[in-house]
């Protein structure tokens, strides 16, 4: 069962990365950031706007709550 969830999660992460690419972002996957593995870092190299998105994907049945988000920050 866990293997199915891992495959499902990987597929969800791939879909999110593909959507971000379609929106013009360049993608880095599974980056170690401040000691924590991050699923996706998406950025648009632009001389006027240096925007980076840090994306943690989770395909879950329930809401995760604010505490987990704060923990990742």
N, C-alpha and C. Protein backbone atom coordinates (compact mmCIF):
# COMPACT_ATOMS: atom_id res chain seq x y z
N UNK A 1 0.82 -1.21 0.00
CA UNK A 1 0.00 0.00 0.00
C UNK A 1 0.86 1.26 0.00
N UNK A 2 1.96 1.25 0.80
CA UNK A 2 2.82 2.43 0.87
C UNK A 2 3.44 2.73 -0.49
N UNK A 3 3.81 1.68 -1.23
CA UNK A 3 4.40 1.86 -2.56
C UNK A 3 3.42 2.55 -3.50
N UNK A 4 2.15 2.19 -3.40
CA UNK A 4 1.12 2.83 -4.24
C UNK A 4 1.03 4.32 -3.90
N UNK A 5 1.07 4.65 -2.60
CA UNK A 5 1.00 6.05 -2.19
C UNK A 5 2.22 6.83 -2.67
N UNK A 6 3.40 6.20 -2.64
CA UNK A 6 4.61 6.87 -3.11
C UNK A 6 4.49 7.14 -4.61
N UNK A 7 4.00 6.17 -5.37
CA UNK A 7 3.82 6.35 -6.81
C UNK A 7 2.80 7.44 -7.09
N UNK A 8 1.72 7.45 -6.32
CA UNK A 8 0.67 8.45 -6.49
C UNK A 8 1.22 9.84 -6.17
N UNK A 9 2.01 9.94 -5.11
CA UNK A 9 2.61 11.21 -4.73
C UNK A 9 3.60 11.71 -5.77
N UNK A 10 4.39 10.80 -6.32
CA UNK A 10 5.35 11.16 -7.37
C UNK A 10 4.61 11.66 -8.60
N UNK A 11 3.52 11.01 -8.96
CA UNK A 11 2.73 11.43 -10.12
C UNK A 11 2.17 12.84 -9.90
N UNK A 12 1.65 13.09 -8.69
CA UNK A 12 1.11 14.41 -8.35
C UNK A 12 2.21 15.47 -8.45
N UNK A 13 3.39 15.16 -7.92
CA UNK A 13 4.52 16.09 -7.97
C UNK A 13 4.92 16.36 -9.42
N UNK A 14 4.93 15.33 -10.26
CA UNK A 14 5.24 15.50 -11.68
C UNK A 14 4.23 16.42 -12.36
N UNK A 15 2.96 16.24 -12.03
CA UNK A 15 1.90 17.08 -12.62
C UNK A 15 2.06 18.54 -12.21
N UNK A 16 2.37 18.79 -10.95
CA UNK A 16 2.58 20.16 -10.48
C UNK A 16 3.77 20.79 -11.20
N UNK A 17 4.87 20.03 -11.32
CA UNK A 17 6.06 20.54 -12.02
C UNK A 17 5.74 20.84 -13.48
N UNK A 18 4.98 19.97 -14.13
CA UNK A 18 4.61 20.20 -15.53
C UNK A 18 3.78 21.46 -15.69
N UNK A 19 2.84 21.69 -14.79
CA UNK A 19 2.02 22.91 -14.85
C UNK A 19 2.87 24.16 -14.66
N UNK A 20 3.79 24.10 -13.74
CA UNK A 20 4.67 25.26 -13.51
C UNK A 20 5.54 25.52 -14.73
N UNK A 21 6.03 24.46 -15.39
CA UNK A 21 6.81 24.63 -16.61
C UNK A 21 5.97 25.29 -17.70
N UNK A 22 4.71 24.87 -17.82
CA UNK A 22 3.82 25.49 -18.81
C UNK A 22 3.60 26.97 -18.53
N UNK A 23 3.71 27.35 -17.26
CA UNK A 23 3.55 28.75 -16.88
C UNK A 23 4.86 29.54 -17.05
N UNK A 24 5.90 28.89 -17.56
CA UNK A 24 7.15 29.58 -17.84
C UNK A 24 8.22 29.49 -16.77
N UNK A 25 7.98 28.69 -15.74
CA UNK A 25 8.97 28.54 -14.67
C UNK A 25 10.01 27.49 -15.03
N UNK A 26 11.22 27.70 -14.56
CA UNK A 26 12.24 26.66 -14.59
C UNK A 26 12.13 25.90 -13.28
N UNK A 27 12.41 24.61 -13.32
CA UNK A 27 12.13 23.74 -12.19
C UNK A 27 13.40 23.08 -11.66
N UNK A 28 13.53 23.06 -10.34
CA UNK A 28 14.53 22.25 -9.65
C UNK A 28 13.75 21.27 -8.78
N UNK A 29 14.17 20.01 -8.75
CA UNK A 29 13.43 18.99 -8.01
C UNK A 29 14.27 18.45 -6.85
N UNK A 30 13.60 18.14 -5.75
CA UNK A 30 14.19 17.49 -4.59
C UNK A 30 15.46 18.19 -4.12
N UNK A 31 15.32 19.45 -3.78
CA UNK A 31 16.43 20.29 -3.37
C UNK A 31 16.50 20.32 -1.84
N UNK A 32 17.71 20.22 -1.31
CA UNK A 32 17.90 20.36 0.13
C UNK A 32 18.01 21.85 0.43
N UNK A 33 17.06 22.36 1.20
CA UNK A 33 16.97 23.78 1.49
C UNK A 33 16.90 23.97 3.00
N UNK A 34 17.90 24.57 3.58
CA UNK A 34 17.96 24.80 5.03
C UNK A 34 17.79 23.49 5.80
N UNK A 35 18.39 22.43 5.30
CA UNK A 35 18.34 21.15 5.99
C UNK A 35 17.07 20.35 5.77
N UNK A 36 16.18 20.84 4.90
CA UNK A 36 14.91 20.15 4.64
C UNK A 36 14.78 19.90 3.14
N UNK A 37 14.40 18.68 2.79
CA UNK A 37 14.19 18.36 1.38
C UNK A 37 12.91 19.03 0.90
N UNK A 38 13.02 19.73 -0.22
CA UNK A 38 11.88 20.44 -0.81
C UNK A 38 11.58 19.81 -2.16
N UNK A 39 10.30 19.55 -2.44
CA UNK A 39 9.92 18.86 -3.67
C UNK A 39 10.28 19.65 -4.92
N UNK A 40 9.87 20.91 -4.97
CA UNK A 40 10.05 21.71 -6.19
C UNK A 40 10.43 23.14 -5.82
N UNK A 41 11.43 23.66 -6.51
CA UNK A 41 11.69 25.09 -6.50
C UNK A 41 11.47 25.54 -7.94
N UNK A 42 10.57 26.48 -8.12
CA UNK A 42 10.24 27.00 -9.44
C UNK A 42 10.65 28.46 -9.49
N UNK A 43 11.30 28.86 -10.59
CA UNK A 43 11.74 30.24 -10.69
C UNK A 43 11.68 30.71 -12.13
N UNK A 44 11.55 32.01 -12.27
CA UNK A 44 11.58 32.66 -13.59
C UNK A 44 12.77 33.62 -13.58
N UNK A 45 13.79 33.29 -14.35
CA UNK A 45 14.91 34.22 -14.42
C UNK A 45 14.50 35.48 -15.19
N UNK A 46 14.45 36.56 -14.49
CA UNK A 46 13.96 37.81 -15.06
C UNK A 46 14.75 38.95 -14.41
N UNK A 47 15.21 39.89 -15.20
CA UNK A 47 16.01 40.97 -14.63
C UNK A 47 15.19 41.92 -13.77
N UNK A 48 13.88 41.93 -13.93
CA UNK A 48 13.03 42.83 -13.15
C UNK A 48 12.40 42.17 -11.94
N UNK A 49 12.23 40.88 -11.99
CA UNK A 49 11.49 40.19 -10.93
C UNK A 49 12.15 38.84 -10.67
N UNK A 50 12.77 38.69 -9.53
CA UNK A 50 13.45 37.45 -9.18
C UNK A 50 12.54 36.62 -8.28
N UNK A 51 11.48 36.06 -8.87
CA UNK A 51 10.47 35.32 -8.12
C UNK A 51 10.83 33.84 -8.05
N UNK A 52 10.82 33.28 -6.84
CA UNK A 52 11.03 31.85 -6.65
C UNK A 52 9.88 31.30 -5.83
N UNK A 53 9.38 30.15 -6.24
CA UNK A 53 8.33 29.46 -5.51
C UNK A 53 8.91 28.20 -4.90
N UNK A 54 8.63 27.98 -3.64
CA UNK A 54 9.03 26.75 -2.96
C UNK A 54 7.77 25.93 -2.79
N UNK A 55 7.76 24.73 -3.40
CA UNK A 55 6.55 23.92 -3.46
C UNK A 55 6.79 22.59 -2.76
N UNK A 56 5.96 22.29 -1.81
CA UNK A 56 5.97 20.99 -1.13
C UNK A 56 4.66 20.31 -1.50
N UNK A 57 4.74 19.25 -2.28
CA UNK A 57 3.54 18.56 -2.77
C UNK A 57 3.10 17.51 -1.76
N UNK A 58 1.81 17.40 -1.61
CA UNK A 58 1.24 16.36 -0.77
C UNK A 58 -0.14 16.02 -1.26
N UNK A 59 -0.31 14.80 -1.66
CA UNK A 59 -1.61 14.33 -2.14
C UNK A 59 -2.27 13.61 -0.96
N UNK A 60 -3.04 14.35 -0.19
CA UNK A 60 -3.61 13.82 1.06
C UNK A 60 -5.13 13.89 1.04
N UNK A 61 -5.72 13.10 1.89
CA UNK A 61 -7.19 13.08 2.00
C UNK A 61 -7.70 14.16 2.95
N UNK A 62 -6.83 14.69 3.81
CA UNK A 62 -7.25 15.68 4.79
C UNK A 62 -6.33 16.90 4.72
N UNK A 63 -6.79 18.01 5.27
CA UNK A 63 -5.96 19.21 5.37
C UNK A 63 -4.80 18.94 6.31
N UNK A 64 -3.65 19.59 6.05
CA UNK A 64 -2.49 19.33 6.88
C UNK A 64 -2.35 20.30 8.04
N UNK A 65 -2.92 21.47 7.94
CA UNK A 65 -2.84 22.44 9.02
C UNK A 65 -1.63 23.34 8.92
N UNK A 66 -1.66 24.40 9.65
CA UNK A 66 -0.63 25.43 9.61
C UNK A 66 0.67 24.97 10.27
N UNK A 67 0.61 24.15 11.27
CA UNK A 67 1.80 23.75 12.01
C UNK A 67 2.82 23.05 11.12
N UNK A 68 2.38 22.19 10.22
CA UNK A 68 3.30 21.50 9.32
C UNK A 68 3.96 22.50 8.38
N UNK A 69 3.21 23.48 7.92
CA UNK A 69 3.77 24.51 7.05
C UNK A 69 4.82 25.31 7.80
N UNK A 70 4.54 25.69 9.01
CA UNK A 70 5.52 26.43 9.83
C UNK A 70 6.76 25.60 10.07
N UNK A 71 6.59 24.32 10.26
CA UNK A 71 7.72 23.41 10.50
C UNK A 71 8.65 23.39 9.29
N UNK A 72 8.06 23.41 8.09
CA UNK A 72 8.87 23.40 6.86
C UNK A 72 9.59 24.71 6.63
N UNK A 73 9.01 25.82 7.15
CA UNK A 73 9.60 27.14 6.94
C UNK A 73 10.82 27.27 7.73
